[in-house]
Amino acid sequence: MAEPTGRHGIILENRARLEITGVTDVDRFNEEEIALFTQLGELTIKGRSLHINEMSVGGGVLSVEGDICALIYGDKDRTKKLSMLGKLFR
């Protein structure tokens, strides 16, 4: 098994505050779901009253507050949004 390239970390406090490092892009967000990409793949955050407090794409840090219910990892190989052509062939 190949070693992952890149760094990614999560700190979750009381299911209400979340700090994520290694963020490369945010795909979409609303009060119930935030879909993003990290250096180690896709990540979806689900909850209620979700709010992005801080986002530093240059530093790769994302800070979220709200009632966090789930953290769901997706494809390890996707670290950024698909191009329009890539979406057609997915």
C-alpha atoms as a PDB file:
ATOM      1  CA  MET A   1       0.000   0.000   0.000  1.00  0.00           C
ATOM      2  CA  ALA A   2       1.373   3.384  -1.027  1.00  0.00           C
ATOM      3  CA  GLU A   3       1.992   6.034   1.615  1.00  0.00           C
ATOM      4  CA  PRO A   4      -0.265   9.089   1.311  1.00  0.00           C
ATOM      5  CA  THR A   5       1.341  12.260   0.025  1.00  0.00           C
ATOM      6  CA  GLY A   6       0.436  15.461   1.797  1.00  0.00           C
ATOM      7  CA  ARG A   7      -0.793  16.350   5.261  1.00  0.00           C
ATOM      8  CA  HIS A   8      -4.265  16.605   6.741  1.00  0.00           C
ATOM      9  CA  GLY A   9      -5.562  16.913  10.292  1.00  0.00           C
ATOM     10  CA  ILE A  10      -8.853  17.370  12.130  1.00  0.00           C
ATOM     11  CA  ILE A  11      -9.585  18.678  15.616  1.00  0.00           C
ATOM     12  CA  LEU A  12     -13.212  18.349  16.717  1.00  0.00           C
ATOM     13  CA  GLU A  13     -14.279  19.966  20.005  1.00  0.00           C
ATOM     14  CA  ASN A  14     -17.607  19.032  21.620  1.00  0.00           C
ATOM     15  CA  ARG A  15     -19.156  18.275  18.202  1.00  0.00           C
ATOM     16  CA  ALA A  16     -19.501  22.061  17.825  1.00  0.00           C
ATOM     17  CA  ARG A  17     -16.088  23.334  16.637  1.00  0.00           C
ATOM     18  CA  LEU A  18     -14.006  21.817  13.900  1.00  0.00           C
ATOM     19  CA  GLU A  19     -10.569  22.807  12.617  1.00  0.00           C
ATOM     20  CA  ILE A  20      -9.259  21.133   9.476  1.00  0.00           C
ATOM     21  CA  THR A  21      -5.751  21.451   8.034  1.00  0.00           C
ATOM     22  CA  GLY A  22      -4.556  20.410   4.604  1.00  0.00           C
ATOM     23  CA  VAL A  23      -7.609  21.896   2.830  1.00  0.00           C
ATOM     24  CA  THR A  24      -7.021  22.529  -0.877  1.00  0.00           C
ATOM     25  CA  ASP A  25     -10.493  23.686  -2.002  1.00  0.00           C
ATOM     26  CA  VAL A  26     -14.122  24.014  -0.881  1.00  0.00           C
ATOM     27  CA  ASP A  27     -16.567  22.583  -3.415  1.00  0.00           C
ATOM     28  CA  ARG A  28     -19.868  23.705  -1.877  1.00  0.00           C
ATOM     29  CA  PHE A  29     -21.387  24.633   1.462  1.00  0.00           C
ATOM     30  CA  ASN A  30     -24.671  25.435   3.164  1.00  0.00           C
ATOM     31  CA  GLU A  31     -26.010  25.196   6.720  1.00  0.00           C
ATOM     32  CA  GLU A  32     -26.333  21.385   6.523  1.00  0.00           C
ATOM     33  CA  GLU A  33     -23.331  20.259   4.464  1.00  0.00           C
ATOM     34  CA  ILE A  34     -19.820  21.365   3.548  1.00  0.00           C
ATOM     35  CA  ALA A  35     -18.013  19.471   0.776  1.00  0.00           C
ATOM     36  CA  LEU A  36     -14.294  20.091   0.477  1.00  0.00           C
ATOM     37  CA  PHE A  37     -11.024  18.649  -0.736  1.00  0.00           C
ATOM     38  CA  THR A  38      -7.943  18.000   1.380  1.00  0.00           C
ATOM     39  CA  GLN A  39      -4.432  16.980   0.416  1.00  0.00           C
ATOM     40  CA  LEU A  40      -5.551  13.413   1.173  1.00  0.00           C
ATOM     41  CA  GLY A  41      -8.895  13.412  -0.663  1.00  0.00           C
ATOM     42  CA  GLU A  42     -12.544  14.413  -0.425  1.00  0.00           C
ATOM     43  CA  LEU A  43     -14.267  15.239   2.875  1.00  0.00           C
ATOM     44  CA  THR A  44     -17.935  16.019   3.552  1.00  0.00           C
ATOM     45  CA  ILE A  45     -19.091  17.552   6.837  1.00  0.00           C
ATOM     46  CA  LYS A  46     -22.774  17.131   7.730  1.00  0.00           C
ATOM     47  CA  GLY A  47     -24.692  18.853  10.495  1.00  0.00           C
ATOM     48  CA  ARG A  48     -27.037  21.689  11.385  1.00  0.00           C
ATOM     49  CA  SER A  49     -26.405  25.433  11.486  1.00  0.00           C
ATOM     50  CA  LEU A  50     -22.926  24.969   9.998  1.00  0.00           C
ATOM     51  CA  HIS A  51     -20.921  28.154   9.602  1.00  0.00           C
ATOM     52  CA  ILE A  52     -17.431  28.633   8.162  1.00  0.00           C
ATOM     53  CA  ASN A  53     -15.591  30.934  10.580  1.00  0.00           C
ATOM     54  CA  GLU A  54     -12.221  31.027   8.892  1.00  0.00           C
ATOM     55  CA  MET A  55     -10.796  29.815   5.635  1.00  0.00           C
ATOM     56  CA  SER A  56      -7.212  30.181   4.505  1.00  0.00           C
ATOM     57  CA  VAL A  57      -6.637  28.445   1.193  1.00  0.00           C
ATOM     58  CA  GLY A  58      -3.001  29.564   1.207  1.00  0.00           C
ATOM     59  CA  GLY A  59      -2.508  28.060   4.661  1.00  0.00           C
ATOM     60  CA  GLY A  60      -4.913  25.179   4.032  1.00  0.00           C
ATOM     61  CA  VAL A  61      -6.921  25.806   7.234  1.00  0.00           C
ATOM     62  CA  LEU A  62     -10.716  25.735   7.583  1.00  0.00           C
ATOM     63  CA  SER A  63     -12.607  26.460  10.799  1.00  0.00           C
ATOM     64  CA  VAL A  64     -16.277  25.433  11.153  1.00  0.00           C
ATOM     65  CA  GLU A  65     -18.857  25.898  13.919  1.00  0.00           C
ATOM     66  CA  GLY A  66     -22.304  24.349  14.294  1.00  0.00           C
ATOM     67  CA  ASP A  67     -23.928  21.065  15.307  1.00  0.00           C
ATOM     68  CA  ILE A  68     -21.557  18.616  13.578  1.00  0.00           C
ATOM     69  CA  CYS A  69     -23.142  15.189  12.959  1.00  0.00           C
ATOM     70  CA  ALA A  70     -20.823  13.420  10.494  1.00  0.00           C
ATOM     71  CA  LEU A  71     -17.439  13.545   8.778  1.00  0.00           C
ATOM     72  CA  ILE A  72     -17.448  11.451   5.607  1.00  0.00           C
ATOM     73  CA  TYR A  73     -14.333  10.738   3.563  1.00  0.00           C
ATOM     74  CA  GLY A  74     -14.595  10.121  -0.175  1.00  0.00           C
ATOM     75  CA  ASP A  75     -12.147   9.393  -2.973  1.00  0.00           C
ATOM     76  CA  LYS A  76      -8.524   9.600  -1.763  1.00  0.00           C
ATOM     77  CA  ASP A  77      -7.310  10.573  -5.228  1.00  0.00           C
ATOM     78  CA  ARG A  78      -9.545  13.657  -5.631  1.00  0.00           C
ATOM     79  CA  THR A  79      -7.830  16.659  -4.100  1.00  0.00           C
ATOM     80  CA  LYS A  80      -9.534  19.357  -6.201  1.00  0.00           C
ATOM     81  CA  LYS A  81     -12.715  20.007  -8.171  1.00  0.00           C
ATOM     82  CA  LEU A  82     -13.257  18.189 -11.429  1.00  0.00           C
ATOM     83  CA  SER A  83     -13.121  20.234 -14.595  1.00  0.00           C
ATOM     84  CA  MET A  84     -16.293  20.439 -16.675  1.00  0.00           C
ATOM     85  CA  LEU A  85     -14.881  17.763 -19.006  1.00  0.00           C
ATOM     86  CA  GLY A  86     -13.956  15.575 -16.027  1.00  0.00           C
ATOM     87  CA  LYS A  87     -17.540  15.778 -14.709  1.00  0.00           C
ATOM     88  CA  LEU A  88     -18.868  14.540 -18.049  1.00  0.00           C
ATOM     89  CA  PHE A  89     -16.742  11.391 -17.952  1.00  0.00           C
ATOM     90  CA  ARG A  90     -17.066  10.590 -14.255  1.00  0.00           C
END
